Amino acid sequence: MVKAIVKGGAIIPQAPLPVDWADGTELDVEKSLDVNRVQDVDAWMDELEAHARQGDPADDLRLEEALRGIHEREKEMTRRRLGIKP
């Protein structure tokens, strides 16, 4: 993410731009959250939590099961690579 400020109606980057950003590169620009304002942070967290509550709990269970399976497979592959027998 590139940090920038508005000055005289222009958006001025606060650090050098990435080298692959040639003139004419289209960007999406959003106003950053003023982290010094507790109300802004609270509102952002409320919105984030509301989105999280809309998720399907079954999706969470499927994800957890998939991660457990990946973890077990990785342990087994490591054991094989190291020549460790169960």
PDB file of N, CA and C in Angstrom:
ATOM      1  N   MET A   1       0.840  -1.163   0.000  1.00  0.00           N
ATOM      2  CA  MET A   1       0.000   0.000   0.000  1.00  0.00           C
ATOM      3  C   MET A   1       0.893   1.237   0.000  1.00  0.00           C
ATOM      4  N   VAL A   2       0.541   2.184  -0.792  1.00  0.00           N
ATOM      5  CA  VAL A   2       1.287   3.432  -0.877  1.00  0.00           C
ATOM      6  C   VAL A   2       0.581   4.480  -0.035  1.00  0.00           C
ATOM      7  N   LYS A   3       1.307   5.109   0.858  1.00  0.00           N
ATOM      8  CA  LYS A   3       0.761   6.202   1.674  1.00  0.00           C
ATOM      9  C   LYS A   3       0.919   7.500   0.892  1.00  0.00           C
ATOM     10  N   ALA A   4      -0.133   8.325   0.940  1.00  0.00           N
ATOM     11  CA  ALA A   4      -0.098   9.598   0.221  1.00  0.00           C
ATOM     12  C   ALA A   4      -0.940  10.612   0.976  1.00  0.00           C
ATOM     13  N   ILE A   5      -0.757  11.876   0.636  1.00  0.00           N
ATOM     14  CA  ILE A   5      -1.565  12.949   1.205  1.00  0.00           C
ATOM     15  C   ILE A   5      -2.135  13.777   0.053  1.00  0.00           C
ATOM     16  N   VAL A   6      -3.189  14.520   0.357  1.00  0.00           N
ATOM     17  CA  VAL A   6      -3.748  15.453  -0.621  1.00  0.00           C
ATOM     18  C   VAL A   6      -3.146  16.819  -0.333  1.00  0.00           C
ATOM     19  N   LYS A   7      -2.589  17.436  -1.373  1.00  0.00           N
ATOM     20  CA  LYS A   7      -1.970  18.753  -1.218  1.00  0.00           C
ATOM     21  C   LYS A   7      -2.275  19.558  -2.471  1.00  0.00           C
ATOM     22  N   GLY A   8      -2.959  20.664  -2.289  1.00  0.00           N
ATOM     23  CA  GLY A   8      -3.301  21.514  -3.430  1.00  0.00           C
ATOM     24  C   GLY A   8      -4.157  20.780  -4.458  1.00  0.00           C
ATOM     25  N   GLY A   9      -4.980  19.848  -4.004  1.00  0.00           N
ATOM     26  CA  GLY A   9      -5.865  19.120  -4.915  1.00  0.00           C
ATOM     27  C   GLY A   9      -5.212  17.938  -5.619  1.00  0.00           C
ATOM     28  N   ALA A  10      -3.936  17.702  -5.353  1.00  0.00           N
ATOM     29  CA  ALA A  10      -3.236  16.568  -5.970  1.00  0.00           C
ATOM     30  C   ALA A  10      -2.905  15.540  -4.902  1.00  0.00           C
ATOM     31  N   ILE A  11      -2.836  14.278  -5.300  1.00  0.00           N
ATOM     32  CA  ILE A  11      -2.457  13.208  -4.392  1.00  0.00           C
ATOM     33  C   ILE A  11      -0.943  13.039  -4.495  1.00  0.00           C
ATOM     34  N   ILE A  12      -0.266  13.254  -3.363  1.00  0.00           N
ATOM     35  CA  ILE A  12       1.202  13.234  -3.331  1.00  0.00           C
ATOM     36  C   ILE A  12       1.663  12.008  -2.527  1.00  0.00           C
ATOM     37  N   PRO A  13       2.372  11.077  -3.176  1.00  0.00           N
ATOM     38  CA  PRO A  13       2.871   9.908  -2.438  1.00  0.00           C
ATOM     39  C   PRO A  13       3.908  10.325  -1.407  1.00  0.00           C
ATOM     40  N   GLN A  14       3.946   9.594  -0.295  1.00  0.00           N
ATOM     41  CA  GLN A  14       4.890   9.892   0.775  1.00  0.00           C
ATOM     42  C   GLN A  14       6.171   9.070   0.664  1.00  0.00           C
ATOM     43  N   ALA A  15       6.249   8.174  -0.305  1.00  0.00           N
ATOM     44  CA  ALA A  15       7.440   7.357  -0.559  1.00  0.00           C
ATOM     45  C   ALA A  15       7.481   7.096  -2.062  1.00  0.00           C
ATOM     46  N   PRO A  16       8.615   6.647  -2.576  1.00  0.00           N
ATOM     47  CA  PRO A  16       8.686   6.354  -4.006  1.00  0.00           C
ATOM     48  C   PRO A  16       7.644   5.319  -4.421  1.00  0.00           C
ATOM     49  N   LEU A  17       7.109   5.490  -5.621  1.00  0.00           N
ATOM     50  CA  LEU A  17       6.114   4.556  -6.149  1.00  0.00           C
ATOM     51  C   LEU A  17       6.801   3.278  -6.620  1.00  0.00           C
ATOM     52  N   PRO A  18       6.067   2.175  -6.625  1.00  0.00           N
ATOM     53  CA  PRO A  18       6.635   0.935  -7.164  1.00  0.00           C
ATOM     54  C   PRO A  18       7.086   1.144  -8.610  1.00  0.00           C
ATOM     55  N   VAL A  19       8.150   0.475  -9.000  1.00  0.00           N
ATOM     56  CA  VAL A  19       8.729   0.692 -10.328  1.00  0.00           C
ATOM     57  C   VAL A  19       7.791   0.278 -11.457  1.00  0.00           C
ATOM     58  N   ASP A  20       6.862  -0.641 -11.186  1.00  0.00           N
ATOM     59  CA  ASP A  20       5.963  -1.087 -12.253  1.00  0.00           C
ATOM     60  C   ASP A  20       4.737  -0.180 -12.408  1.00  0.00           C
ATOM     61  N   TRP A  21       4.702   0.936 -11.693  1.00  0.00           N
ATOM     62  CA  TRP A  21       3.609   1.887 -11.826  1.00  0.00           C
ATOM     63  C   TRP A  21       4.012   2.971 -12.829  1.00  0.00           C
ATOM     64  N   ALA A  22       3.763   2.724 -14.087  1.00  0.00           N
ATOM     65  CA  ALA A  22       4.087   3.693 -15.140  1.00  0.00           C
ATOM     66  C   ALA A  22       3.011   4.770 -15.188  1.00  0.00           C
ATOM     67  N   ASP A  23       3.326   5.888 -15.839  1.00  0.00           N
ATOM     68  CA  ASP A  23       2.315   6.928 -16.047  1.00  0.00           C
ATOM     69  C   ASP A  23       1.091   6.311 -16.706  1.00  0.00           C
ATOM     70  N   GLY A  24      -0.072   6.672 -16.212  1.00  0.00           N
ATOM     71  CA  GLY A  24      -1.318   6.163 -16.768  1.00  0.00           C
ATOM     72  C   GLY A  24      -1.838   4.933 -16.042  1.00  0.00           C
ATOM     73  N   THR A  25      -1.059   4.394 -15.081  1.00  0.00           N
ATOM     74  CA  THR A  25      -1.530   3.247 -14.308  1.00  0.00           C
ATOM     75  C   THR A  25      -2.749   3.666 -13.507  1.00  0.00           C
ATOM     76  N   GLU A  26      -3.831   2.890 -13.632  1.00  0.00           N
ATOM     77  CA  GLU A  26      -5.063   3.197 -12.908  1.00  0.00           C
ATOM     78  C   GLU A  26      -4.957   2.689 -11.474  1.00  0.00           C
ATOM     79  N   LEU A  27      -5.392   3.515 -10.529  1.00  0.00           N
ATOM     80  CA  LEU A  27      -5.326   3.173  -9.105  1.00  0.00           C
ATOM     81  C   LEU A  27      -6.689   3.357  -8.468  1.00  0.00           C
ATOM     82  N   ASP A  28      -6.947   2.627  -7.414  1.00  0.00           N
ATOM     83  CA  ASP A  28      -8.119   2.845  -6.562  1.00  0.00           C
ATOM     84  C   ASP A  28      -7.609   3.541  -5.312  1.00  0.00           C
ATOM     85  N   VAL A  29      -8.190   4.687  -4.997  1.00  0.00           N
ATOM     86  CA  VAL A  29      -7.729   5.472  -3.859  1.00  0.00           C
ATOM     87  C   VAL A  29      -8.867   5.598  -2.854  1.00  0.00           C
ATOM     88  N   GLU A  30      -8.563   5.324  -1.584  1.00  0.00           N
ATOM     89  CA  GLU A  30      -9.542   5.478  -0.511  1.00  0.00           C
ATOM     90  C   GLU A  30      -8.944   6.349   0.568  1.00  0.00           C
ATOM     91  N   LYS A  31      -9.798   7.101   1.231  1.00  0.00           N
ATOM     92  CA  LYS A  31      -9.348   7.888   2.363  1.00  0.00           C
ATOM     93  C   LYS A  31      -9.045   6.920   3.500  1.00  0.00           C
ATOM     94  N   SER A  32      -7.894   7.100   4.136  1.00  0.00           N
ATOM     95  CA  SER A  32      -7.529   6.201   5.225  1.00  0.00           C
ATOM     96  C   SER A  32      -8.296   6.567   6.483  1.00  0.00           C
ATOM     97  N   LEU A  33      -8.407   5.594   7.343  1.00  0.00           N
ATOM     98  CA  LEU A  33      -9.084   5.762   8.613  1.00  0.00           C
ATOM     99  C   LEU A  33      -8.199   6.568   9.552  1.00  0.00           C
ATOM    100  N   ASP A  34      -8.777   7.545  10.206  1.00  0.00           N
ATOM    101  CA  ASP A  34      -8.036   8.330  11.195  1.00  0.00           C
ATOM    102  C   ASP A  34      -7.983   7.514  12.480  1.00  0.00           C
ATOM    103  N   VAL A  35      -6.878   6.794  12.679  1.00  0.00           N
ATOM    104  CA  VAL A  35      -6.778   5.907  13.830  1.00  0.00           C
ATOM    105  C   VAL A  35      -6.754   6.655  15.152  1.00  0.00           C
ATOM    106  N   ASN A  36      -6.632   7.955  15.096  1.00  0.00           N
ATOM    107  CA  ASN A  36      -6.654   8.739  16.326  1.00  0.00           C
ATOM    108  C   ASN A  36      -8.077   8.984  16.808  1.00  0.00           C
ATOM    109  N   ARG A  37      -9.057   8.663  15.978  1.00  0.00           N
ATOM    110  CA  ARG A  37     -10.452   8.862  16.364  1.00  0.00           C
ATOM    111  C   ARG A  37     -11.046   7.526  16.775  1.00  0.00           C
ATOM    112  N   VAL A  38     -11.315   7.389  18.045  1.00  0.00           N
ATOM    113  CA  VAL A  38     -11.823   6.138  18.597  1.00  0.00           C
ATOM    114  C   VAL A  38     -13.136   5.751  17.926  1.00  0.00           C
ATOM    115  N   GLN A  39     -13.980   6.724  17.609  1.00  0.00           N
ATOM    116  CA  GLN A  39     -15.260   6.417  16.972  1.00  0.00           C
ATOM    117  C   GLN A  39     -15.056   5.735  15.629  1.00  0.00           C
ATOM    118  N   ASP A  40     -14.062   6.176  14.869  1.00  0.00           N
ATOM    119  CA  ASP A  40     -13.791   5.564  13.564  1.00  0.00           C
ATOM    120  C   ASP A  40     -13.362   4.113  13.730  1.00  0.00           C
ATOM    121  N   VAL A  41     -12.493   3.866  14.695  1.00  0.00           N
ATOM    122  CA  VAL A  41     -12.010   2.509  14.930  1.00  0.00           C
ATOM    123  C   VAL A  41     -13.159   1.627  15.407  1.00  0.00           C
ATOM    124  N   ASP A  42     -13.961   2.139  16.319  1.00  0.00           N
ATOM    125  CA  ASP A  42     -15.105   1.370  16.824  1.00  0.00           C
ATOM    126  C   ASP A  42     -16.089   1.050  15.705  1.00  0.00           C
ATOM    127  N   ALA A  43     -16.370   2.014  14.849  1.00  0.00           N
ATOM    128  CA  ALA A  43     -17.297   1.789  13.738  1.00  0.00           C
ATOM    129  C   ALA A  43     -16.734   0.754  12.777  1.00  0.00           C
ATOM    130  N   TRP A  44     -15.446   0.829  12.510  1.00  0.00           N
ATOM    131  CA  TRP A  44     -14.807  -0.142  11.619  1.00  0.00           C
ATOM    132  C   TRP A  44     -14.883  -1.544  12.209  1.00  0.00           C
ATOM    133  N   MET A  45     -14.611  -1.674  13.513  1.00  0.00           N
ATOM    134  CA  MET A  45     -14.682  -2.984  14.167  1.00  0.00           C
ATOM    135  C   MET A  45     -16.113  -3.519  14.175  1.00  0.00           C
ATOM    136  N   ASP A  46     -17.096  -2.653  14.410  1.00  0.00           N
ATOM    137  CA  ASP A  46     -18.499  -3.086  14.376  1.00  0.00           C
ATOM    138  C   ASP A  46     -18.862  -3.632  13.005  1.00  0.00           C
ATOM    139  N   GLU A  47     -18.411  -2.952  11.950  1.00  0.00           N
ATOM    140  CA  GLU A  47     -18.684  -3.397  10.588  1.00  0.00           C
ATOM    141  C   GLU A  47     -17.999  -4.739  10.307  1.00  0.00           C
ATOM    142  N   LEU A  48     -16.760  -4.868  10.731  1.00  0.00           N
ATOM    143  CA  LEU A  48     -16.021  -6.108  10.529  1.00  0.00           C
ATOM    144  C   LEU A  48     -16.694  -7.272  11.261  1.00  0.00           C
ATOM    145  N   GLU A  49     -17.099  -7.052  12.501  1.00  0.00           N
ATOM    146  CA  GLU A  49     -17.755  -8.098  13.275  1.00  0.00           C
ATOM    147  C   GLU A  49     -19.110  -8.473  12.674  1.00  0.00           C
ATOM    148  N   ALA A  50     -19.829  -7.496  12.128  1.00  0.00           N
ATOM    149  CA  ALA A  50     -21.113  -7.785  11.485  1.00  0.00           C
ATOM    150  C   ALA A  50     -20.907  -8.683  10.265  1.00  0.00           C
ATOM    151  N   HIS A  51     -19.868  -8.427   9.491  1.00  0.00           N
ATOM    152  CA  HIS A  51     -19.562  -9.278   8.333  1.00  0.00           C
ATOM    153  C   HIS A  51     -19.201 -10.688   8.787  1.00  0.00           C
ATOM    154  N   ALA A  52     -18.418 -10.779   9.848  1.00  0.00           N
ATOM    155  CA  ALA A  52     -17.996 -12.092  10.341  1.00  0.00           C
ATOM    156  C   ALA A  52     -19.199 -12.907  10.818  1.00  0.00           C
ATOM    157  N   ARG A  53     -20.170 -12.258  11.433  1.00  0.00           N
ATOM    158  CA  ARG A  53     -21.367 -12.965  11.920  1.00  0.00           C
ATOM    159  C   ARG A  53     -22.216 -13.510  10.785  1.00  0.00           C
ATOM    160  N   GLN A  54     -22.077 -12.960   9.599  1.00  0.00           N
ATOM    161  CA  GLN A  54     -22.871 -13.421   8.455  1.00  0.00           C
ATOM    162  C   GLN A  54     -22.337 -14.724   7.881  1.00  0.00           C
ATOM    163  N   GLY A  55     -21.157 -15.146   8.298  1.00  0.00           N
ATOM    164  CA  GLY A  55     -20.558 -16.368   7.781  1.00  0.00           C
ATOM    165  C   GLY A  55     -21.311 -17.602   8.260  1.00  0.00           C
ATOM    166  N   ASP A  56     -21.171 -18.667   7.506  1.00  0.00           N
ATOM    167  CA  ASP A  56     -21.794 -19.949   7.836  1.00  0.00           C
ATOM    168  C   ASP A  56     -20.865 -20.713   8.775  1.00  0.00           C
ATOM    169  N   PRO A  57     -21.329 -21.073   9.990  1.00  0.00           N
ATOM    170  CA  PRO A  57     -20.479 -21.828  10.916  1.00  0.00           C
ATOM    171  C   PRO A  57     -19.975 -23.145  10.318  1.00  0.00           C
ATOM    172  N   ALA A  58     -20.743 -23.728   9.416  1.00  0.00           N
ATOM    173  CA  ALA A  58     -20.307 -24.967   8.766  1.00  0.00           C
ATOM    174  C   ALA A  58     -19.046 -24.718   7.943  1.00  0.00           C
ATOM    175  N   ASP A  59     -18.913 -23.524   7.364  1.00  0.00           N
ATOM    176  CA  ASP A  59     -17.702 -23.182   6.612  1.00  0.00           C
ATOM    177  C   ASP A  59     -16.493 -23.179   7.545  1.00  0.00           C
ATOM    178  N   ASP A  60     -16.669 -22.651   8.750  1.00  0.00           N
ATOM    179  CA  ASP A  60     -15.575 -22.632   9.722  1.00  0.00           C
ATOM    180  C   ASP A  60     -15.144 -24.056  10.067  1.00  0.00           C
ATOM    181  N   LEU A  61     -16.109 -24.935  10.262  1.00  0.00           N
ATOM    182  CA  LEU A  61     -15.788 -26.325  10.592  1.00  0.00           C
ATOM    183  C   LEU A  61     -15.057 -27.010   9.446  1.00  0.00           C
ATOM    184  N   ARG A  62     -15.513 -26.770   8.203  1.00  0.00           N
ATOM    185  CA  ARG A  62     -14.839 -27.366   7.039  1.00  0.00           C
ATOM    186  C   ARG A  62     -13.406 -26.851   6.926  1.00  0.00           C
ATOM    187  N   LEU A  63     -13.222 -25.572   7.167  1.00  0.00           N
ATOM    188  CA  LEU A  63     -11.885 -24.988   7.104  1.00  0.00           C
ATOM    189  C   LEU A  63     -10.978 -25.592   8.177  1.00  0.00           C
ATOM    190  N   GLU A  64     -11.481 -25.689   9.396  1.00  0.00           N
ATOM    191  CA  GLU A  64     -10.685 -26.273  10.476  1.00  0.00           C
ATOM    192  C   GLU A  64     -10.303 -27.715  10.155  1.00  0.00           C
ATOM    193  N   GLU A  65     -11.232 -28.492   9.629  1.00  0.00           N
ATOM    194  CA  GLU A  65     -10.953 -29.886   9.276  1.00  0.00           C
ATOM    195  C   GLU A  65      -9.904 -29.960   8.161  1.00  0.00           C
ATOM    196  N   ALA A  66     -10.040 -29.102   7.176  1.00  0.00           N
ATOM    197  CA  ALA A  66      -9.065 -29.084   6.081  1.00  0.00           C
ATOM    198  C   ALA A  66      -7.677 -28.731   6.605  1.00  0.00           C
ATOM    199  N   LEU A  67      -7.588 -27.763   7.499  1.00  0.00           N
ATOM    200  CA  LEU A  67      -6.300 -27.372   8.063  1.00  0.00           C
ATOM    201  C   LEU A  67      -5.697 -28.501   8.902  1.00  0.00           C
ATOM    202  N   ARG A  68      -6.531 -29.200   9.665  1.00  0.00           N
ATOM    203  CA  ARG A  68      -6.028 -30.354  10.425  1.00  0.00           C
ATOM    204  C   ARG A  68      -5.464 -31.409   9.481  1.00  0.00           C
ATOM    205  N   GLY A  69      -6.183 -31.683   8.388  1.00  0.00           N
ATOM    206  CA  GLY A  69      -5.710 -32.657   7.409  1.00  0.00           C
ATOM    207  C   GLY A  69      -4.385 -32.255   6.791  1.00  0.00           C
ATOM    208  N   ILE A  70      -4.252 -31.002   6.434  1.00  0.00           N
ATOM    209  CA  ILE A  70      -2.997 -30.501   5.858  1.00  0.00           C
ATOM    210  C   ILE A  70      -1.870 -30.642   6.866  1.00  0.00           C
ATOM    211  N   HIS A  71      -2.137 -30.299   8.110  1.00  0.00           N
ATOM    212  CA  HIS A  71      -1.128 -30.397   9.160  1.00  0.00           C
ATOM    213  C   HIS A  71      -0.660 -31.843   9.325  1.00  0.00           C
ATOM    214  N   GLU A  72      -1.585 -32.767   9.348  1.00  0.00           N
ATOM    215  CA  GLU A  72      -1.225 -34.185   9.501  1.00  0.00           C
ATOM    216  C   GLU A  72      -0.419 -34.693   8.299  1.00  0.00           C
ATOM    217  N   ARG A  73      -0.832 -34.304   7.092  1.00  0.00           N
ATOM    218  CA  ARG A  73      -0.085 -34.710   5.893  1.00  0.00           C
ATOM    219  C   ARG A  73       1.334 -34.161   5.911  1.00  0.00           C
ATOM    220  N   GLU A  74       1.485 -32.904   6.317  1.00  0.00           N
ATOM    221  CA  GLU A  74       2.817 -32.291   6.380  1.00  0.00           C
ATOM    222  C   GLU A  74       3.698 -32.994   7.407  1.00  0.00           C
ATOM    223  N   LYS A  75       3.132 -33.346   8.554  1.00  0.00           N
ATOM    224  CA  LYS A  75       3.910 -34.076   9.557  1.00  0.00           C
ATOM    225  C   LYS A  75       4.366 -35.421   8.999  1.00  0.00           C
ATOM    226  N   GLU A  76       3.463 -36.125   8.325  1.00  0.00           N
ATOM    227  CA  GLU A  76       3.804 -37.428   7.759  1.00  0.00           C
ATOM    228  C   GLU A  76       4.883 -37.294   6.685  1.00  0.00           C
ATOM    229  N   MET A  77       4.774 -36.291   5.837  1.00  0.00           N
ATOM    230  CA  MET A  77       5.782 -36.087   4.794  1.00  0.00           C
ATOM    231  C   MET A  77       7.147 -35.775   5.420  1.00  0.00           C
ATOM    232  N   THR A  78       7.147 -34.992   6.474  1.00  0.00           N
ATOM    233  CA  THR A  78       8.400 -34.657   7.155  1.00  0.00           C
ATOM    234  C   THR A  78       9.022 -35.898   7.779  1.00  0.00           C
ATOM    235  N   ARG A  79       8.182 -36.721   8.404  1.00  0.00           N
ATOM    236  CA  ARG A  79       8.689 -37.970   8.976  1.00  0.00           C
ATOM    237  C   ARG A  79       9.338 -38.834   7.901  1.00  0.00           C
ATOM    238  N   ARG A  80       8.657 -38.962   6.751  1.00  0.00           N
ATOM    239  CA  ARG A  80       9.204 -39.761   5.655  1.00  0.00           C
ATOM    240  C   ARG A  80      10.539 -39.209   5.175  1.00  0.00           C
ATOM    241  N   ARG A  81      10.588 -37.882   4.998  1.00  0.00           N
ATOM    242  CA  ARG A  81      11.826 -37.253   4.533  1.00  0.00           C
ATOM    243  C   ARG A  81      12.979 -37.488   5.484  1.00  0.00           C
ATOM    244  N   LEU A  82      12.669 -37.494   6.779  1.00  0.00           N
ATOM    245  CA  LEU A  82      13.712 -37.673   7.781  1.00  0.00           C
ATOM    246  C   LEU A  82      13.966 -39.141   8.104  1.00  0.00           C
ATOM    247  N   GLY A  83      13.189 -40.020   7.490  1.00  0.00           N
ATOM    248  CA  GLY A  83      13.358 -41.451   7.717  1.00  0.00           C
ATOM    249  C   GLY A  83      12.872 -41.907   9.076  1.00  0.00           C
ATOM    250  N   ILE A  84      11.941 -41.176   9.645  1.00  0.00           N
ATOM    251  CA  ILE A  84      11.390 -41.540  10.958  1.00  0.00           C
ATOM    252  C   ILE A  84      10.205 -42.473  10.737  1.00  0.00           C
ATOM    253  N   LYS A  85      10.245 -43.616  11.408  1.00  0.00           N
ATOM    254  CA  LYS A  85       9.158 -44.579  11.258  1.00  0.00           C
ATOM    255  C   LYS A  85       8.153 -44.365  12.391  1.00  0.00           C
ATOM    256  N   PRO A  86       6.856 -44.482  12.051  1.00  0.00           N
ATOM    257  CA  PRO A  86       5.834 -44.271  13.103  1.00  0.00           C
ATOM    258  C   PRO A  86       5.889 -45.306  14.193  1.00  0.00           C
TER     259      PRO A  86
END
